[in-house]
PDB file of N, CA and C in Angstrom:
ATOM      1  N   MET A   1     108.464 101.733 106.800  1.00  0.00           N
ATOM      2  CA  MET A   1     107.708 101.005 105.816  1.00  0.00           C
ATOM      3  C   MET A   1     108.600  99.920 105.203  1.00  0.00           C
ATOM      4  N   THR A   2     108.012  98.780 104.991  1.00  0.00           N
ATOM      5  CA  THR A   2     108.729  97.673 104.372  1.00  0.00           C
ATOM      6  C   THR A   2     108.924  97.967 102.886  1.00  0.00           C
ATOM      7  N   PRO A   3     110.159  97.875 102.418  1.00  0.00           N
ATOM      8  CA  PRO A   3     110.388  98.080 100.975  1.00  0.00           C
ATOM      9  C   PRO A   3     109.584  97.059 100.163  1.00  0.00           C
ATOM     10  N   ARG A   4     109.149  97.468  98.985  1.00  0.00           N
ATOM     11  CA  ARG A   4     108.265  96.610  98.185  1.00  0.00           C
ATOM     12  C   ARG A   4     108.905  95.289  97.791  1.00  0.00           C
ATOM     13  N   ASP A   5     110.205  95.268  97.510  1.00  0.00           N
ATOM     14  CA  ASP A   5     110.841  93.996  97.154  1.00  0.00           C
ATOM     15  C   ASP A   5     110.795  93.029  98.336  1.00  0.00           C
ATOM     16  N   ARG A   6     110.965  93.543  99.545  1.00  0.00           N
ATOM     17  CA  ARG A   6     110.867  92.686 100.731  1.00  0.00           C
ATOM     18  C   ARG A   6     109.423  92.256 100.960  1.00  0.00           C
ATOM     19  N   ALA A   7     108.481  93.167 100.751  1.00  0.00           N
ATOM     20  CA  ALA A   7     107.065  92.823 100.897  1.00  0.00           C
ATOM     21  C   ALA A   7     106.695  91.685  99.957  1.00  0.00           C
ATOM     22  N   LEU A   8     107.207  91.712  98.740  1.00  0.00           N
ATOM     23  CA  LEU A   8     106.927  90.638  97.785  1.00  0.00           C
ATOM     24  C   LEU A   8     107.491  89.304  98.263  1.00  0.00           C
ATOM     25  N   ARG A   9     108.674  89.334  98.855  1.00  0.00           N
ATOM     26  CA  ARG A   9     109.247  88.093  99.403  1.00  0.00           C
ATOM     27  C   ARG A   9     108.382  87.561 100.549  1.00  0.00           C
ATOM     28  N   ILE A  10     107.870  88.458 101.371  1.00  0.00           N
ATOM     29  CA  ILE A  10     106.990  88.052 102.470  1.00  0.00           C
ATOM     30  C   ILE A  10     105.714  87.435 101.911  1.00  0.00           C
ATOM     31  N   VAL A  11     105.118  88.096 100.915  1.00  0.00           N
ATOM     32  CA  VAL A  11     103.892  87.602 100.289  1.00  0.00           C
ATOM     33  C   VAL A  11     104.092  86.191  99.749  1.00  0.00           C
ATOM     34  N   GLU A  12     105.228  85.934  99.118  1.00  0.00           N
ATOM     35  CA  GLU A  12     105.498  84.624  98.518  1.00  0.00           C
ATOM     36  C   GLU A  12     105.564  83.512  99.557  1.00  0.00           C
ATOM     37  N   GLN A  13     105.906  83.853 100.800  1.00  0.00           N
ATOM     38  CA  GLN A  13     106.083  82.838 101.835  1.00  0.00           C
ATOM     39  C   GLN A  13     104.932  82.783 102.832  1.00  0.00           C
ATOM     40  N   THR A  14     103.913  83.598 102.615  1.00  0.00           N
ATOM     41  CA  THR A  14     102.835  83.711 103.590  1.00  0.00           C
ATOM     42  C   THR A  14     101.635  82.869 103.203  1.00  0.00           C
ATOM     43  N   THR A  15     100.993  82.306 104.219  1.00  0.00           N
ATOM     44  CA  THR A  15      99.714  81.626 104.041  1.00  0.00           C
ATOM     45  C   THR A  15      98.736  82.251 105.036  1.00  0.00           C
ATOM     46  N   GLY A  16      97.469  82.070 104.798  1.00  0.00           N
ATOM     47  CA  GLY A  16      96.478  82.603 105.733  1.00  0.00           C
ATOM     48  C   GLY A  16      96.090  84.024 105.386  1.00  0.00           C
ATOM     49  N   PHE A  17      96.748  84.982 106.023  1.00  0.00           N
ATOM     50  CA  PHE A  17      96.496  86.391 105.739  1.00  0.00           C
ATOM     51  C   PHE A  17      97.740  87.199 106.055  1.00  0.00           C
ATOM     52  N   LEU A  18      97.772  88.408 105.521  1.00  0.00           N
ATOM     53  CA  LEU A  18      98.880  89.328 105.798  1.00  0.00           C
ATOM     54  C   LEU A  18      98.433  90.344 106.842  1.00  0.00           C
ATOM     55  N   TYR A  19      99.271  90.573 107.825  1.00  0.00           N
ATOM     56  CA  TYR A  19      99.013  91.571 108.857  1.00  0.00           C
ATOM     57  C   TYR A  19      99.858  92.785 108.502  1.00  0.00           C
ATOM     58  N   TYR A  20      99.197  93.859 108.083  1.00  0.00           N
ATOM     59  CA  TYR A  20      99.895  95.082 107.696  1.00  0.00           C
ATOM     60  C   TYR A  20      99.964  95.996 108.919  1.00  0.00           C
ATOM     61  N   VAL A  21     101.174  96.295 109.374  1.00  0.00           N
ATOM     62  CA  VAL A  21     101.383  97.185 110.510  1.00  0.00           C
ATOM     63  C   VAL A  21     101.364  98.617 109.973  1.00  0.00           C
ATOM     64  N   SER A  22     100.338  99.372 110.371  1.00  0.00           N
ATOM     65  CA  SER A  22     100.094 100.675 109.752  1.00  0.00           C
ATOM     66  C   SER A  22     100.941 101.805 110.295  1.00  0.00           C
ATOM     67  N   VAL A  23     101.521 101.638 111.450  1.00  0.00           N
ATOM     68  CA  VAL A  23     102.379 102.685 112.022  1.00  0.00           C
ATOM     69  C   VAL A  23     103.591 102.036 112.651  1.00  0.00           C
ATOM     70  N   SER A  24     104.666 102.784 112.733  1.00  0.00           N
ATOM     71  CA  SER A  24     105.809 102.290 113.493  1.00  0.00           C
ATOM     72  C   SER A  24     105.723 102.920 114.874  1.00  0.00           C
ATOM     73  N   GLY A  25     106.186 102.213 115.854  1.00  0.00           N
ATOM     74  CA  GLY A  25     106.123 102.734 117.209  1.00  0.00           C
ATOM     75  C   GLY A  25     105.198 101.901 118.070  1.00  0.00           C
ATOM     76  N   ILE A  26     104.589 102.552 119.037  1.00  0.00           N
ATOM     77  CA  ILE A  26     103.767 101.858 120.019  1.00  0.00           C
ATOM     78  C   ILE A  26     102.360 101.687 119.490  1.00  0.00           C
ATOM     79  N   THR A  27     101.855 100.475 119.581  1.00  0.00           N
ATOM     80  CA  THR A  27     100.523 100.173 119.069  1.00  0.00           C
ATOM     81  C   THR A  27      99.449 100.970 119.785  1.00  0.00           C
ATOM     82  N   GLY A  28      98.457 101.399 119.026  1.00  0.00           N
ATOM     83  CA  GLY A  28      97.311 102.094 119.583  1.00  0.00           C
ATOM     84  C   GLY A  28      97.563 103.521 120.005  1.00  0.00           C
ATOM     85  N   ARG A  29      98.722 104.062 119.726  1.00  0.00           N
ATOM     86  CA  ARG A  29      99.074 105.396 120.194  1.00  0.00           C
ATOM     87  C   ARG A  29      99.321 106.347 119.038  1.00  0.00           C
ATOM     88  N   THR A  30      98.329 106.540 118.226  1.00  0.00           N
ATOM     89  CA  THR A  30      98.469 107.482 117.126  1.00  0.00           C
ATOM     90  C   THR A  30      97.208 108.312 117.020  1.00  0.00           C
ATOM     91  N   ASP A  31      97.327 109.521 116.582  1.00  0.00           N
ATOM     92  CA  ASP A  31      96.158 110.371 116.419  1.00  0.00           C
ATOM     93  C   ASP A  31      95.557 110.237 115.037  1.00  0.00           C
ATOM     94  N   ARG A  32      96.309 109.706 114.102  1.00  0.00           N
ATOM     95  CA  ARG A  32      95.729 109.490 112.781  1.00  0.00           C
ATOM     96  C   ARG A  32      96.520 108.394 112.084  1.00  0.00           C
ATOM     97  N   ALA A  33      95.825 107.625 111.318  1.00  0.00           N
ATOM     98  CA  ALA A  33      96.490 106.600 110.511  1.00  0.00           C
ATOM     99  C   ALA A  33      97.096 107.296 109.298  1.00  0.00           C
ATOM    100  N   ALA A  34      98.273 106.875 108.901  1.00  0.00           N
ATOM    101  CA  ALA A  34      98.970 107.515 107.782  1.00  0.00           C
ATOM    102  C   ALA A  34      98.226 107.295 106.476  1.00  0.00           C
ATOM    103  N   ALA A  35      98.055 108.359 105.711  1.00  0.00           N
ATOM    104  CA  ALA A  35      97.333 108.279 104.436  1.00  0.00           C
ATOM    105  C   ALA A  35      98.039 107.356 103.447  1.00  0.00           C
ATOM    106  N   ASP A  36      99.355 107.268 103.512  1.00  0.00           N
ATOM    107  CA  ASP A  36     100.059 106.401 102.566  1.00  0.00           C
ATOM    108  C   ASP A  36      99.775 104.921 102.805  1.00  0.00           C
ATOM    109  N   VAL A  37      99.213 104.583 103.963  1.00  0.00           N
ATOM    110  CA  VAL A  37      98.830 103.196 104.232  1.00  0.00           C
ATOM    111  C   VAL A  37      97.811 102.733 103.200  1.00  0.00           C
ATOM    112  N   VAL A  38      96.880 103.601 102.842  1.00  0.00           N
ATOM    113  CA  VAL A  38      95.853 103.252 101.859  1.00  0.00           C
ATOM    114  C   VAL A  38      96.498 102.842 100.542  1.00  0.00           C
ATOM    115  N   ASP A  39      97.438 103.640 100.058  1.00  0.00           N
ATOM    116  CA  ASP A  39      98.127 103.321  98.807  1.00  0.00           C
ATOM    117  C   ASP A  39      98.944 102.043  98.926  1.00  0.00           C
ATOM    118  N   ASN A  40      99.650 101.892 100.031  1.00  0.00           N
ATOM    119  CA  ASN A  40     100.502 100.711 100.211  1.00  0.00           C
ATOM    120  C   ASN A  40      99.681  99.427 100.299  1.00  0.00           C
ATOM    121  N   VAL A  41      98.571  99.476 101.003  1.00  0.00           N
ATOM    122  CA  VAL A  41      97.740  98.279 101.127  1.00  0.00           C
ATOM    123  C   VAL A  41      97.063  97.969  99.793  1.00  0.00           C
ATOM    124  N   ALA A  42      96.629  98.986  99.084  1.00  0.00           N
ATOM    125  CA  ALA A  42      96.037  98.756  97.761  1.00  0.00           C
ATOM    126  C   ALA A  42      97.053  98.069  96.847  1.00  0.00           C
ATOM    127  N   TRP A  43      98.290  98.525  96.871  1.00  0.00           N
ATOM    128  CA  TRP A  43      99.347  97.888  96.076  1.00  0.00           C
ATOM    129  C   TRP A  43      99.559  96.442  96.538  1.00  0.00           C
ATOM    130  N   LEU A  44      99.645  96.238  97.842  1.00  0.00           N
ATOM    131  CA  LEU A  44      99.880  94.898  98.388  1.00  0.00           C
ATOM    132  C   LEU A  44      98.755  93.946  97.977  1.00  0.00           C
ATOM    133  N   ARG A  45      97.526  94.408  98.025  1.00  0.00           N
ATOM    134  CA  ARG A  45      96.393  93.557  97.627  1.00  0.00           C
ATOM    135  C   ARG A  45      96.467  93.202  96.151  1.00  0.00           C
ATOM    136  N   SER A  46      97.084  94.052  95.337  1.00  0.00           N
ATOM    137  CA  SER A  46      97.222  93.732  93.911  1.00  0.00           C
ATOM    138  C   SER A  46      98.297  92.675  93.675  1.00  0.00           C
ATOM    139  N   GLN A  47      99.076  92.371  94.694  1.00  0.00           N
ATOM    140  CA  GLN A  47     100.181  91.427  94.570  1.00  0.00           C
ATOM    141  C   GLN A  47      99.855  90.031  95.089  1.00  0.00           C
ATOM    142  N   THR A  48      98.703  89.882  95.754  1.00  0.00           N
ATOM    143  CA  THR A  48      98.399  88.596  96.385  1.00  0.00           C
ATOM    144  C   THR A  48      96.892  88.395  96.497  1.00  0.00           C
ATOM    145  N   PRO A  49      96.458  87.138  96.442  1.00  0.00           N
ATOM    146  CA  PRO A  49      95.042  86.863  96.702  1.00  0.00           C
ATOM    147  C   PRO A  49      94.737  86.745  98.194  1.00  0.00           C
ATOM    148  N   LEU A  50      95.774  86.767  99.032  1.00  0.00           N
ATOM    149  CA  LEU A  50      95.576  86.633 100.475  1.00  0.00           C
ATOM    150  C   LEU A  50      94.860  87.859 101.041  1.00  0.00           C
ATOM    151  N   PRO A  51      94.040  87.662 102.049  1.00  0.00           N
ATOM    152  CA  PRO A  51      93.436  88.807 102.724  1.00  0.00           C
ATOM    153  C   PRO A  51      94.526  89.652 103.399  1.00  0.00           C
ATOM    154  N   VAL A  52      94.319  90.961 103.409  1.00  0.00           N
ATOM    155  CA  VAL A  52      95.242  91.888 104.066  1.00  0.00           C
ATOM    156  C   VAL A  52      94.480  92.579 105.195  1.00  0.00           C
ATOM    157  N   CYS A  53      94.956  92.360 106.412  1.00  0.00           N
ATOM    158  CA  CYS A  53      94.360  92.988 107.586  1.00  0.00           C
ATOM    159  C   CYS A  53      95.313  94.053 108.108  1.00  0.00           C
ATOM    160  N   ILE A  54      94.760  95.168 108.517  1.00  0.00           N
ATOM    161  CA  ILE A  54      95.571  96.290 108.980  1.00  0.00           C
ATOM    162  C   ILE A  54      95.413  96.413 110.488  1.00  0.00           C
ATOM    163  N   GLY A  55      96.532  96.566 111.175  1.00  0.00           N
ATOM    164  CA  GLY A  55      96.523  96.752 112.618  1.00  0.00           C
ATOM    165  C   GLY A  55      97.524  97.810 113.034  1.00  0.00           C
ATOM    166  N   PHE A  56      97.522  98.135 114.302  1.00  0.00           N
ATOM    167  CA  PHE A  56      98.387  99.129 114.937  1.00  0.00           C
ATOM    168  C   PHE A  56      97.860 100.532 114.659  1.00  0.00           C
ATOM    169  N   GLY A  57      97.561 101.235 115.702  1.00  0.00           N
ATOM    170  CA  GLY A  57      97.161 102.628 115.583  1.00  0.00           C
ATOM    171  C   GLY A  57      95.709 102.858 115.215  1.00  0.00           C
ATOM    172  N   ILE A  58      94.934 101.818 115.058  1.00  0.00           N
ATOM    173  CA  ILE A  58      93.531 101.982 114.697  1.00  0.00           C
ATOM    174  C   ILE A  58      92.727 102.111 115.986  1.00  0.00           C
ATOM    175  N   SER A  59      92.179 103.295 116.194  1.00  0.00           N
ATOM    176  CA  SER A  59      91.469 103.521 117.447  1.00  0.00           C
ATOM    177  C   SER A  59      90.277 104.463 117.316  1.00  0.00           C
ATOM    178  N   ARG A  60      90.077 105.029 116.137  1.00  0.00           N
ATOM    179  CA  ARG A  60      89.008 106.015 115.957  1.00  0.00           C
ATOM    180  C   ARG A  60      88.185 105.697 114.717  1.00  0.00           C
ATOM    181  N   PRO A  61      86.935 106.144 114.723  1.00  0.00           N
ATOM    182  CA  PRO A  61      86.096 105.917 113.541  1.00  0.00           C
ATOM    183  C   PRO A  61      86.706 106.470 112.260  1.00  0.00           C
ATOM    184  N   GLU A  62      87.400 107.586 112.326  1.00  0.00           N
ATOM    185  CA  GLU A  62      88.002 108.137 111.106  1.00  0.00           C
ATOM    186  C   GLU A  62      89.087 107.228 110.542  1.00  0.00           C
ATOM    187  N   HIS A  63      89.782 106.501 111.410  1.00  0.00           N
ATOM    188  CA  HIS A  63      90.760 105.512 110.934  1.00  0.00           C
ATOM    189  C   HIS A  63      90.034 104.415 110.170  1.00  0.00           C
ATOM    190  N   VAL A  64      88.932 103.945 110.742  1.00  0.00           N
ATOM    191  CA  VAL A  64      88.161 102.873 110.112  1.00  0.00           C
ATOM    192  C   VAL A  64      87.628 103.332 108.758  1.00  0.00           C
ATOM    193  N   ARG A  65      87.063 104.537 108.704  1.00  0.00           N
ATOM    194  CA  ARG A  65      86.513 105.048 107.436  1.00  0.00           C
ATOM    195  C   ARG A  65      87.590 105.134 106.358  1.00  0.00           C
ATOM    196  N   MET A  66      88.792 105.508 106.741  1.00  0.00           N
ATOM    197  CA  MET A  66      89.866 105.656 105.763  1.00  0.00           C
ATOM    198  C   MET A  66      90.403 104.299 105.305  1.00  0.00           C
ATOM    199  N   LEU A  67      90.524 103.343 106.216  1.00  0.00           N
ATOM    200  CA  LEU A  67      91.210 102.094 105.906  1.00  0.00           C
ATOM    201  C   LEU A  67      90.292 100.957 105.461  1.00  0.00           C
ATOM    202  N   ALA A  68      89.056 100.961 105.881  1.00  0.00           N
ATOM    203  CA  ALA A  68      88.148  99.854 105.553  1.00  0.00           C
ATOM    204  C   ALA A  68      88.018  99.598 104.051  1.00  0.00           C
ATOM    205  N   PRO A  69      88.003 100.624 103.200  1.00  0.00           N
ATOM    206  CA  PRO A  69      87.845 100.338 101.771  1.00  0.00           C
ATOM    207  C   PRO A  69      88.980  99.516 101.149  1.00  0.00           C
ATOM    208  N   VAL A  70      90.171  99.542 101.742  1.00  0.00           N
ATOM    209  CA  VAL A  70      91.292  98.796 101.151  1.00  0.00           C
ATOM    210  C   VAL A  70      91.659  97.548 101.948  1.00  0.00           C
ATOM    211  N   ALA A  71      91.067  97.370 103.115  1.00  0.00           N
ATOM    212  CA  ALA A  71      91.448  96.252 103.983  1.00  0.00           C
ATOM    213  C   ALA A  71      90.417  95.136 103.944  1.00  0.00           C
ATOM    214  N   ASP A  72      90.887  93.923 104.165  1.00  0.00           N
ATOM    215  CA  ASP A  72      89.983  92.799 104.353  1.00  0.00           C
ATOM    216  C   ASP A  72      89.592  92.675 105.821  1.00  0.00           C
ATOM    217  N   GLY A  73      90.363  93.308 106.681  1.00  0.00           N
ATOM    218  CA  GLY A  73      90.065  93.308 108.108  1.00  0.00           C
ATOM    219  C   GLY A  73      90.845  94.403 108.794  1.00  0.00           C
ATOM    220  N   LEU A  74      90.281  94.892 109.889  1.00  0.00           N
ATOM    221  CA  LEU A  74      90.961  95.893 110.711  1.00  0.00           C
ATOM    222  C   LEU A  74      91.100  95.322 112.112  1.00  0.00           C
ATOM    223  N   ILE A  75      92.281  95.455 112.677  1.00  0.00           N
ATOM    224  CA  ILE A  75      92.569  94.867 113.977  1.00  0.00           C
ATOM    225  C   ILE A  75      92.706  95.988 114.994  1.00  0.00           C
ATOM    226  N   VAL A  76      91.815  95.966 115.974  1.00  0.00           N
ATOM    227  CA  VAL A  76      91.824  96.965 117.043  1.00  0.00           C
ATOM    228  C   VAL A  76      92.088  96.213 118.333  1.00  0.00           C
ATOM    229  N   GLY A  77      93.226  96.439 118.924  1.00  0.00           N
ATOM    230  CA  GLY A  77      93.574  95.721 120.142  1.00  0.00           C
ATOM    231  C   GLY A  77      93.848  96.642 121.304  1.00  0.00           C
ATOM    232  N   SER A  78      94.902  97.407 121.193  1.00  0.00           N
ATOM    233  CA  SER A  78      95.343  98.243 122.311  1.00  0.00           C
ATOM    234  C   SER A  78      94.302  99.273 122.727  1.00  0.00           C
ATOM    235  N   ALA A  79      93.561  99.798 121.767  1.00  0.00           N
ATOM    236  CA  ALA A  79      92.547 100.797 122.105  1.00  0.00           C
ATOM    237  C   ALA A  79      91.470 100.178 122.997  1.00  0.00           C
ATOM    238  N   ILE A  80      91.116  98.926 122.737  1.00  0.00           N
ATOM    239  CA  ILE A  80      90.127  98.243 123.571  1.00  0.00           C
ATOM    240  C   ILE A  80      90.710  97.930 124.942  1.00  0.00           C
ATOM    241  N   VAL A  81      91.931  97.441 124.967  1.00  0.00           N
ATOM    242  CA  VAL A  81      92.588  97.133 126.239  1.00  0.00           C
ATOM    243  C   VAL A  81      92.729  98.402 127.082  1.00  0.00           C
ATOM    244  N   ARG A  82      93.091  99.507 126.449  1.00  0.00           N
ATOM    245  CA  ARG A  82      93.235 100.777 127.169  1.00  0.00           C
ATOM    246  C   ARG A  82      91.888 101.207 127.762  1.00  0.00           C
ATOM    247  N   ARG A  83      90.818 101.084 126.988  1.00  0.00           N
ATOM    248  CA  ARG A  83      89.486 101.438 127.499  1.00  0.00           C
ATOM    249  C   ARG A  83      89.089 100.534 128.663  1.00  0.00           C
ATOM    250  N   MET A  84      89.432  99.283 128.579  1.00  0.00           N
ATOM    251  CA  MET A  84      89.127  98.369 129.680  1.00  0.00           C
ATOM    252  C   MET A  84      89.885  98.779 130.938  1.00  0.00           C
ATOM    253  N   ALA A  85      91.138  99.156 130.783  1.00  0.00           N
ATOM    254  CA  ALA A  85      91.937  99.579 131.934  1.00  0.00           C
ATOM    255  C   ALA A  85      91.367 100.851 132.558  1.00  0.00           C
ATOM    256  N   GLU A  86      90.874 101.753 131.712  1.00  0.00           N
ATOM    257  CA  GLU A  86      90.309 103.017 132.206  1.00  0.00           C
ATOM    258  C   GLU A  86      89.007 102.806 132.965  1.00  0.00           C
ATOM    259  N   THR A  87      88.343 101.695 132.723  1.00  0.00           N
ATOM    260  CA  THR A  87      87.059 101.428 133.358  1.00  0.00           C
ATOM    261  C   THR A  87      87.166 100.359 134.442  1.00  0.00           C
ATOM    262  N   ALA A  88      88.362 100.038 134.856  1.00  0.00           N
ATOM    263  CA  ALA A  88      88.598  98.908 135.759  1.00  0.00           C
ATOM    264  C   ALA A  88      87.841  99.011 137.085  1.00  0.00           C
ATOM    265  N   THR A  89      87.554 100.197 137.544  1.00  0.00           N
ATOM    266  CA  THR A  89      86.872 100.341 138.838  1.00  0.00           C
ATOM    267  C   THR A  89      85.350 100.412 138.695  1.00  0.00           C
ATOM    268  N   LYS A  90      84.862 100.365 137.473  1.00  0.00           N
ATOM    269  CA  LYS A  90      83.418 100.440 137.238  1.00  0.00           C
ATOM    270  C   LYS A  90      82.805  99.047 137.309  1.00  0.00           C
ATOM    271  N   PRO A  91      81.505  98.973 137.519  1.00  0.00           N
ATOM    272  CA  PRO A  91      80.836  97.661 137.531  1.00  0.00           C
ATOM    273  C   PRO A  91      80.989  96.954 136.180  1.00  0.00           C
ATOM    274  N   ARG A  92      81.032  95.650 136.231  1.00  0.00           N
ATOM    275  CA  ARG A  92      81.251  94.827 135.033  1.00  0.00           C
ATOM    276  C   ARG A  92      80.271  95.176 133.913  1.00  0.00           C
ATOM    277  N   GLU A  93      79.015  95.339 134.238  1.00  0.00           N
ATOM    278  CA  GLU A  93      77.999  95.647 133.236  1.00  0.00           C
ATOM    279  C   GLU A  93      78.297  96.974 132.528  1.00  0.00           C
ATOM    280  N   GLN A  94      78.771  97.952 133.288  1.00  0.00           N
ATOM    281  CA  GLN A  94      79.089  99.250 132.700  1.00  0.00           C
ATOM    282  C   GLN A  94      80.301  99.140 131.780  1.00  0.00           C
ATOM    283  N   VAL A  95      81.295  98.364 132.191  1.00  0.00           N
ATOM    284  CA  VAL A  95      82.484  98.150 131.359  1.00  0.00           C
ATOM    285  C   VAL A  95      82.072  97.494 130.044  1.00  0.00           C
ATOM    286  N   LEU A  96      81.266  96.453 130.130  1.00  0.00           N
ATOM    287  CA  LEU A  96      80.811  95.765 128.924  1.00  0.00           C
ATOM    288  C   LEU A  96      80.014  96.705 128.017  1.00  0.00           C
ATOM    289  N   GLN A  97      79.186  97.531 128.608  1.00  0.00           N
ATOM    290  CA  GLN A  97      78.398  98.476 127.822  1.00  0.00           C
ATOM    291  C   GLN A  97      79.309  99.486 127.117  1.00  0.00           C
ATOM    292  N   GLU A  98      80.286 100.028 127.829  1.00  0.00           N
ATOM    293  CA  GLU A  98      81.188 101.032 127.243  1.00  0.00           C
ATOM    294  C   GLU A  98      82.047 100.427 126.129  1.00  0.00           C
ATOM    295  N   ILE A  99      82.560  99.228 126.341  1.00  0.00           N
ATOM    296  CA  ILE A  99      83.365  98.566 125.311  1.00  0.00           C
ATOM    297  C   ILE A  99      82.482  98.217 124.114  1.00  0.00           C
ATOM    298  N   GLY A 100      81.286  97.744 124.389  1.00  0.00           N
ATOM    299  CA  GLY A 100      80.342  97.434 123.311  1.00  0.00           C
ATOM    300  C   GLY A 100      79.976  98.674 122.508  1.00  0.00           C
ATOM    301  N   ASP A 101      79.762  99.789 123.187  1.00  0.00           N
ATOM    302  CA  ASP A 101      79.453 101.042 122.496  1.00  0.00           C
ATOM    303  C   ASP A 101      80.620 101.484 121.616  1.00  0.00           C
ATOM    304  N   TYR A 102      81.828 101.319 122.136  1.00  0.00           N
ATOM    305  CA  TYR A 102      83.027 101.696 121.364  1.00  0.00           C
ATOM    306  C   TYR A 102      83.146 100.817 120.122  1.00  0.00           C
ATOM    307  N   ALA A 103      82.965  99.509 120.294  1.00  0.00           N
ATOM    308  CA  ALA A 103      83.056  98.604 119.154  1.00  0.00           C
ATOM    309  C   ALA A 103      81.951  98.924 118.135  1.00  0.00           C
ATOM    310  N   ALA A 104      80.763  99.232 118.597  1.00  0.00           N
ATOM    311  CA  ALA A 104      79.665  99.582 117.695  1.00  0.00           C
ATOM    312  C   ALA A 104      79.982 100.859 116.929  1.00  0.00           C
ATOM    313  N   GLU A 105      80.624 101.805 117.591  1.00  0.00           N
ATOM    314  CA  GLU A 105      81.017 103.060 116.916  1.00  0.00           C
ATOM    315  C   GLU A 105      82.011 102.783 115.786  1.00  0.00           C
ATOM    316  N   LEU A 106      82.963 101.896 116.043  1.00  0.00           N
ATOM    317  CA  LEU A 106      83.930 101.541 115.010  1.00  0.00           C
ATOM    318  C   LEU A 106      83.261 100.782 113.872  1.00  0.00           C
ATOM    319  N   LEU A 107      82.388  99.853 114.208  1.00  0.00           N
ATOM    320  CA  LEU A 107      81.670  99.094 113.180  1.00  0.00           C
ATOM    321  C   LEU A 107      80.796 100.009 112.316  1.00  0.00           C
ATOM    322  N   ALA A 108      80.150 100.962 112.943  1.00  0.00           N
ATOM    323  CA  ALA A 108      79.289 101.889 112.185  1.00  0.00           C
ATOM    324  C   ALA A 108      80.099 102.689 111.175  1.00  0.00           C
ATOM    325  N   ALA A 109      81.355 102.950 111.484  1.00  0.00           N
ATOM    326  CA  ALA A 109      82.215 103.719 110.578  1.00  0.00           C
ATOM    327  C   ALA A 109      82.566 102.936 109.317  1.00  0.00           C
ATOM    328  N   MET A 110      82.322 101.633 109.321  1.00  0.00           N
ATOM    329  CA  MET A 110      82.638 100.814 108.154  1.00  0.00           C
ATOM    330  C   MET A 110      81.608 100.963 107.041  1.00  0.00           C
ATOM    331  N   SER A 111      80.413 101.455 107.384  1.00  0.00           N
ATOM    332  CA  SER A 111      79.391 101.547 106.347  1.00  0.00           C
ATOM    333  C   SER A 111      79.225 102.951 105.806  1.00  0.00           C
TER     334      SER A 111
END
């Protein structure tokens, strides 16, 4: 985790949005997002008007339900790429349907 004094220095020099890395290690390879991410992002949002987007390790609806209330955006990358790789031998329409269903499942978890 980035120490808060360093996070403040980053905030002061950032434009656009902040990308909060929710786990250390390999992206998309976690079974649960850390609960302390919620507290850390809530604190970070109190320090800046910039949007805070959370990425790394977000791959399940329960991650989305936990993080969406404190985030301005959630970034899901590796989980989608992994699903695409797993479906590489299937017809294009089926791949699109499976990826679309997965994205819809994550979106539904936001409400």
